[in-house]
Amino acid sequence: MATPTPTGNVVPAADEVACTFTSALMLGVYLITFAFTVRWLLFADEGWKRRRDVSWPMIFTTIFMFVIITAHTALDLEGTMDEVRHLAEPKHSDMDYDSPIWMDICKFTFSNSVALAADMVLIYRSYVVYGNSIRIIALPCFLWIGGLVCTALQMYLQIAHLHNPNIGPYRWANVNMTFGPGIVLIPFWGSTTLLNVYCTGVLIWRIYQVANQSEELAAAKQFRFIARSIAESGLISMSISLAHFVVWLTSANFAIEIVRVLNVPLIGIAFNLILIRSAHSRRDDFSDEILGESTSIEFSANAAHTVGFWPEYKAKC
């Protein structure tokens, strides 16, 4: 098969192997969380009987992220194997390996797609928790659309470079352009980080408001547990997104590669952890007879008397 125009990837083979090994380890952790997430979304808290109220949108999002994350890791493995085979040939032993640009296009698009999917669910959670308020999600929706535009522009620039190598690498840009168009990837990860900070902050604020106003001790305990779960998972997503944003401002190619391979599975892990911890808490502290089998919370206008907050939030989110 003919090799497309290279991208100019200059990461040494040893570093590529290290990145792929790290990616495989993180995929293993992600697969464990994925299996538990599917179990809690599809089956009742006790036994393996299918849950009556299955949140199909959450099932679809979870499976979508699983497919994208697995494909992203598979491309990393394929690229590393190609590089090792390339350098093993005597005639190529003193030549740098350039990865095909189509592979980089797919990997960057997959990486952005995972972040966009997780951000979309985060926006929806904020929408539900604030009683279907459009005002509260106006800013994150703007940032999400901006991220979508950046993803489309990134694909366009990379495809344009594939057909015309003279396009790029934009020498006027004072950002890293080795692996992809940093001029659009930087605003993408910047908008994703800001979206995560905003949505995580408003979610925690709202939940603690309800917890402090709740007259039910058990409900207040659950609300605070939800807030901690969102904060911990949000910290994972925000940290890796911020790291991805920062490394594109540097010339450290290995740093970009290692953050990229960590970024995709970590977003999936953070996404799954909220669902897993919520399911465990529901099983440990509440019975299906009291709350029903739904897995979601919705705030009413009078948050202090929202007895149905916990069960309804989970079914929708």
Protein backbone atom coordinates (compact mmCIF):
# COMPACT_ATOMS: atom_id res chain seq x y z
CA MET A 1 0.00 0.00 0.00
CA ALA A 2 1.36 3.40 -0.95
CA THR A 3 2.44 5.61 1.89
CA PRO A 4 0.72 9.01 1.92
CA THR A 5 2.54 12.25 2.39
CA PRO A 6 4.35 12.24 5.76
CA THR A 7 3.66 14.70 8.53
CA GLY A 8 7.20 15.24 9.68
CA ASN A 9 6.89 13.30 12.93
CA VAL A 10 10.32 13.42 14.56
CA VAL A 11 9.72 11.54 17.83
CA PRO A 12 12.44 8.85 18.23
CA ALA A 13 11.39 5.20 17.94
CA ALA A 14 12.18 4.49 21.61
CA ASP A 15 9.87 7.32 22.67
CA GLU A 16 7.14 6.06 20.36
CA VAL A 17 7.36 2.61 21.96
CA ALA A 18 7.16 4.19 25.43
CA CYS A 19 4.09 6.19 24.40
CA THR A 20 2.38 3.13 22.95
CA PHE A 21 3.14 1.09 26.07
CA THR A 22 1.63 3.87 28.22
CA SER A 23 -1.39 4.02 25.92
CA ALA A 24 -1.94 0.27 26.25
CA LEU A 25 -1.74 0.44 30.06
CA MET A 26 -4.27 3.25 30.17
CA LEU A 27 -6.55 1.38 27.80
CA GLY A 28 -6.50 -1.57 30.20
CA VAL A 29 -7.63 0.67 33.06
CA TYR A 30 -10.29 2.23 30.85
CA LEU A 31 -11.66 -1.18 29.78
CA ILE A 32 -12.17 -2.14 33.43
CA THR A 33 -14.19 1.02 34.08
CA PHE A 34 -16.10 0.49 30.83
CA ALA A 35 -17.15 -3.03 31.85
CA PHE A 36 -18.39 -1.83 35.24
CA THR A 37 -20.20 1.12 33.65
CA VAL A 38 -22.11 -1.07 31.21
CA ARG A 39 -23.00 -3.44 34.03
CA TRP A 40 -24.51 -0.65 36.19
CA LEU A 41 -26.28 1.00 33.26
CA LEU A 42 -27.91 -2.18 31.93
CA PHE A 43 -28.54 -4.35 34.98
CA ALA A 44 -30.31 -3.95 38.31
CA ASP A 45 -28.34 -3.21 41.46
CA GLU A 46 -28.75 -6.79 42.68
CA GLY A 47 -28.15 -9.68 40.30
CA TRP A 48 -28.12 -9.63 36.50
CA LYS A 49 -31.71 -8.77 35.76
CA ARG A 50 -32.02 -6.01 33.15
CA ARG A 51 -32.88 -2.64 34.62
CA ARG A 52 -36.41 -1.46 33.93
CA ASP A 53 -35.40 2.12 33.15
CA VAL A 54 -32.30 1.97 30.97
CA SER A 55 -30.75 5.32 30.02
CA TRP A 56 -30.15 4.59 26.34
CA PRO A 57 -28.51 7.95 25.58
CA MET A 58 -25.91 7.20 28.25
CA ILE A 59 -25.45 3.67 26.89
CA PHE A 60 -24.94 5.07 23.38
CA THR A 61 -22.43 7.68 24.61
CA THR A 62 -20.51 5.09 26.64
CA ILE A 63 -20.26 2.69 23.68
CA PHE A 64 -19.36 5.53 21.30
CA MET A 65 -16.48 6.54 23.55
CA PHE A 66 -15.39 2.90 23.87
CA VAL A 67 -15.19 2.49 20.07
CA ILE A 68 -13.30 5.76 19.60
CA ILE A 69 -10.83 5.14 22.45
CA THR A 70 -10.12 1.58 21.27
CA ALA A 71 -9.62 2.74 17.68
CA HIS A 72 -7.29 5.52 18.84
CA THR A 73 -5.11 3.04 20.76
CA ALA A 74 -5.13 0.61 17.84
CA LEU A 75 -3.82 3.33 15.53
CA ASP A 76 -1.05 4.12 18.02
CA LEU A 77 -0.06 0.46 18.09
CA GLU A 78 -0.18 0.16 14.30
CA GLY A 79 2.00 3.27 13.89
CA THR A 80 4.60 2.01 16.36
CA MET A 81 4.73 -1.43 14.71
CA ASP A 82 5.18 0.20 11.30
CA GLU A 83 8.01 2.34 12.65
CA VAL A 84 9.79 -0.63 14.25
CA ARG A 85 9.48 -2.66 11.03
CA HIS A 86 10.73 0.33 9.04
CA LEU A 87 13.84 0.77 11.20
CA ALA A 88 14.51 -2.99 11.26
CA GLU A 89 15.19 -2.97 7.53
CA PRO A 90 18.91 -2.41 6.83
CA LYS A 91 18.25 0.15 4.10
CA HIS A 92 16.12 2.23 6.50
CA SER A 93 18.23 1.87 9.64
CA ASP A 94 19.68 5.38 9.32
CA MET A 95 16.44 7.05 8.16
CA ASP A 96 13.76 8.71 10.26
CA TYR A 97 10.27 7.23 10.02
CA ASP A 98 7.42 9.54 9.01
CA SER A 99 3.95 8.41 10.00
CA PRO A 100 1.24 8.62 7.30
CA ILE A 101 -0.78 11.81 7.61
CA TRP A 102 -4.10 9.91 7.35
CA MET A 103 -3.21 8.18 10.62
CA ASP A 104 -2.58 11.50 12.37
CA ILE A 105 -5.84 12.89 10.99
CA CYS A 106 -7.75 9.96 12.47
CA LYS A 107 -5.98 10.09 15.84
CA PHE A 108 -6.53 13.81 16.32
CA THR A 109 -10.15 13.55 15.21
CA PHE A 110 -10.76 10.63 17.59
CA SER A 111 -9.12 12.53 20.44
CA ASN A 112 -11.29 15.59 19.84
CA SER A 113 -14.44 13.45 19.44
CA VAL A 114 -13.99 11.83 22.86
CA ALA A 115 -13.62 15.25 24.49
CA LEU A 116 -16.67 16.61 22.64
CA ALA A 117 -18.81 13.63 23.68
CA ALA A 118 -17.82 13.97 27.35
CA ASP A 119 -18.39 17.73 27.24
CA MET A 120 -21.84 17.28 25.71
CA VAL A 121 -22.89 15.02 28.60
CA LEU A 122 -21.44 17.52 31.09
CA ILE A 123 -23.50 20.30 29.51
CA TYR A 124 -26.62 18.15 29.67
CA ARG A 125 -26.03 17.39 33.34
CA SER A 126 -25.81 21.12 34.03
CA TYR A 127 -29.02 21.67 32.05
CA VAL A 128 -30.91 19.04 34.06
CA VAL A 129 -29.56 20.06 37.45
CA TYR A 130 -30.59 23.69 36.90
CA GLY A 131 -34.15 22.77 35.98
CA ASN A 132 -33.71 22.85 32.18
CA SER A 133 -32.22 26.33 32.24
CA ILE A 134 -30.94 27.52 28.86
CA ARG A 135 -29.21 30.50 30.45
CA ILE A 136 -26.90 28.37 32.57
CA ILE A 137 -25.62 26.39 29.56
CA ALA A 138 -25.30 29.29 27.10
CA LEU A 139 -21.54 29.72 27.66
CA PRO A 140 -20.64 25.99 27.60
CA CYS A 141 -22.76 25.52 24.46
CA PHE A 142 -20.83 28.35 22.79
CA LEU A 143 -17.53 26.75 23.83
CA TRP A 144 -18.70 23.31 22.63
CA ILE A 145 -19.67 24.69 19.21
CA GLY A 146 -16.29 26.43 19.07
CA GLY A 147 -14.59 23.08 19.77
CA LEU A 148 -16.62 21.45 17.01
CA VAL A 149 -15.57 24.18 14.57
CA CYS A 150 -11.92 23.76 15.60
CA THR A 151 -12.19 19.99 14.99
CA ALA A 152 -13.60 20.55 11.50
CA LEU A 153 -10.88 23.13 10.76
CA GLN A 154 -8.19 20.77 12.04
CA MET A 155 -9.41 18.04 9.67
CA TYR A 156 -9.56 20.48 6.77
CA LEU A 157 -6.01 21.76 7.32
CA GLN A 158 -4.59 18.25 7.63
CA ILE A 159 -6.43 16.99 4.55
CA ALA A 160 -5.38 20.08 2.61
CA HIS A 161 -1.77 19.40 3.60
CA LEU A 162 -2.18 15.80 2.43
CA HIS A 163 -3.15 16.95 -1.08
CA ASN A 164 -0.79 19.91 -1.14
CA PRO A 165 2.33 19.54 1.05
CA ASN A 166 3.17 23.20 0.43
CA ILE A 167 0.27 24.14 2.70
CA GLY A 168 1.78 24.55 6.14
CA PRO A 169 3.57 24.11 8.41
CA TYR A 170 2.70 27.79 8.95
CA ARG A 171 6.11 29.02 9.93
CA TRP A 172 4.58 32.25 11.19
CA ALA A 173 2.78 30.33 13.95
CA ASN A 174 4.68 30.45 17.24
CA VAL A 175 3.22 27.12 18.37
CA ASN A 176 4.14 23.48 17.83
CA MET A 177 3.06 22.30 14.36
CA THR A 178 5.02 19.03 14.25
CA PHE A 179 2.14 16.59 14.64
CA GLY A 180 -0.83 18.67 13.59
CA PRO A 181 -2.19 22.19 13.22
CA GLY A 182 -1.46 23.56 16.67
CA ILE A 183 -3.04 26.87 15.67
CA VAL A 184 -6.49 25.21 15.96
CA LEU A 185 -5.70 22.50 18.50
CA ILE A 186 -4.66 25.08 21.10
CA PRO A 187 -8.04 26.91 21.02
CA PHE A 188 -9.82 23.54 21.00
CA TRP A 189 -8.20 22.32 24.21
CA GLY A 190 -8.46 25.77 25.72
CA SER A 191 -12.22 25.84 25.14
CA THR A 192 -12.59 22.28 26.46
CA THR A 193 -10.69 23.13 29.64
CA LEU A 194 -12.78 26.26 30.22
CA LEU A 195 -15.99 24.31 29.59
CA ASN A 196 -14.98 21.65 32.14
CA VAL A 197 -14.10 24.27 34.75
CA TYR A 198 -17.38 26.12 34.27
CA CYS A 199 -19.72 23.11 34.19
CA THR A 200 -18.01 21.32 37.06
CA GLY A 201 -18.12 24.48 39.13
CA VAL A 202 -21.82 25.21 38.54
CA LEU A 203 -22.77 21.58 39.16
CA ILE A 204 -20.95 21.42 42.49
CA TRP A 205 -22.35 24.80 43.56
CA ARG A 206 -25.93 23.74 42.78
CA ILE A 207 -25.65 20.36 44.45
CA TYR A 208 -24.17 21.81 47.64
CA GLN A 209 -26.96 24.39 47.69
CA VAL A 210 -29.54 21.62 47.65
CA ALA A 211 -27.59 19.56 50.21
CA ASN A 212 -27.48 22.46 52.65
CA GLN A 213 -31.20 23.14 52.22
CA SER A 214 -32.34 19.53 52.34
CA GLU A 215 -34.32 18.43 55.36
CA GLU A 216 -33.46 14.78 54.73
CA LEU A 217 -30.13 13.74 56.28
CA ALA A 218 -29.73 10.78 53.90
CA ALA A 219 -30.50 12.97 50.88
CA ALA A 220 -27.97 15.61 51.99
CA LYS A 221 -25.37 12.88 52.35
CA GLN A 222 -26.10 11.67 48.82
CA PHE A 223 -25.91 15.18 47.38
CA ARG A 224 -22.50 15.76 48.90
CA PHE A 225 -21.32 12.40 47.61
CA ILE A 226 -22.46 13.37 44.10
CA ALA A 227 -20.60 16.67 44.38
CA ARG A 228 -17.39 14.90 45.44
CA SER A 229 -17.70 12.40 42.59
CA ILE A 230 -18.21 15.16 40.03
CA ALA A 231 -15.31 17.17 41.49
CA GLU A 232 -12.91 14.22 41.43
CA SER A 233 -13.81 13.14 37.90
CA GLY A 234 -13.87 16.75 36.74
CA LEU A 235 -10.37 17.25 38.12
CA ILE A 236 -9.11 14.35 36.00
CA SER A 237 -10.66 15.75 32.83
CA MET A 238 -9.60 19.33 33.53
CA SER A 239 -6.01 18.35 34.38
CA ILE A 240 -5.39 16.36 31.22
CA SER A 241 -7.17 18.91 29.00
CA LEU A 242 -5.12 21.72 30.52
CA ALA A 243 -1.92 19.70 30.04
CA HIS A 244 -2.88 19.09 26.41
CA PHE A 245 -3.43 22.83 25.97
CA VAL A 246 -0.07 23.76 27.51
CA VAL A 247 2.14 21.25 25.67
CA TRP A 248 1.11 22.61 22.28
CA LEU A 249 2.73 25.91 23.29
CA THR A 250 6.08 24.13 23.71
CA SER A 251 8.54 22.47 21.36
CA ALA A 252 8.61 19.25 23.42
CA ASN A 253 7.43 16.64 20.91
CA PHE A 254 7.63 13.77 23.37
CA ALA A 255 5.50 15.69 25.86
CA ILE A 256 2.83 16.20 23.19
CA GLU A 257 2.83 12.51 22.34
CA ILE A 258 2.66 11.26 25.93
CA VAL A 259 -0.09 13.72 26.89
CA ARG A 260 -2.04 12.81 23.76
CA VAL A 261 -2.03 9.08 24.53
CA LEU A 262 -2.98 9.75 28.16
CA ASN A 263 -5.67 12.25 27.29
CA VAL A 264 -8.08 9.98 25.39
CA PRO A 265 -8.45 7.10 27.90
CA LEU A 266 -8.36 9.44 30.91
CA ILE A 267 -11.39 11.36 29.64
CA GLY A 268 -13.20 8.04 29.23
CA ILE A 269 -12.15 6.91 32.71
CA ALA A 270 -13.36 10.16 34.28
CA PHE A 271 -16.67 9.82 32.43
CA ASN A 272 -17.16 6.24 33.63
CA LEU A 273 -16.16 6.91 37.23
CA ILE A 274 -19.12 9.24 37.84
CA LEU A 275 -21.55 6.56 36.67
CA ILE A 276 -19.84 3.79 38.63
CA ARG A 277 -19.65 5.73 41.89
CA SER A 278 -23.25 6.88 41.57
CA ALA A 279 -24.39 3.30 41.05
CA HIS A 280 -22.40 2.03 44.04
CA SER A 281 -23.78 4.78 46.23
CA ARG A 282 -27.33 4.04 45.16
CA ARG A 283 -26.89 0.37 45.96
CA ASP A 284 -25.23 0.94 49.33
CA ASP A 285 -27.40 3.73 50.71
CA PHE A 286 -30.78 3.37 49.02
CA SER A 287 -33.02 0.47 48.11
CA ASP A 288 -34.84 0.11 44.82
CA GLU A 289 -38.10 -0.03 46.77
CA ILE A 290 -37.54 3.50 48.08
CA LEU A 291 -36.08 5.20 45.03
CA GLY A 292 -37.05 2.98 42.14
CA GLU A 293 -34.58 1.75 39.56
CA SER A 294 -34.13 4.98 37.70
CA THR A 295 -30.71 6.56 37.78
CA SER A 296 -31.10 10.29 37.54
CA ILE A 297 -31.78 13.69 39.46
CA GLU A 298 -33.67 16.75 38.43
CA PHE A 299 -33.90 20.02 40.34
CA SER A 300 -37.18 21.79 40.75
CA ALA A 301 -37.46 25.54 41.20
CA ASN A 302 -37.71 25.00 44.96
CA ALA A 303 -34.49 23.05 45.48
CA ALA A 304 -34.91 22.85 49.25
CA HIS A 305 -37.84 20.45 48.89
CA THR A 306 -36.61 18.41 45.95
CA VAL A 307 -37.06 14.92 47.38
CA GLY A 308 -36.75 13.33 43.94
CA PHE A 309 -33.39 14.93 43.14
CA TRP A 310 -31.26 11.78 43.40
CA PRO A 311 -33.28 9.18 41.52
CA GLU A 312 -34.22 11.44 38.65
CA TYR A 313 -30.78 12.93 38.03
CA LYS A 314 -29.31 9.48 37.62
CA ALA A 315 -31.87 8.23 35.09
CA LYS A 316 -31.18 11.17 32.80
CA CYS A 317 -27.43 11.49 33.35
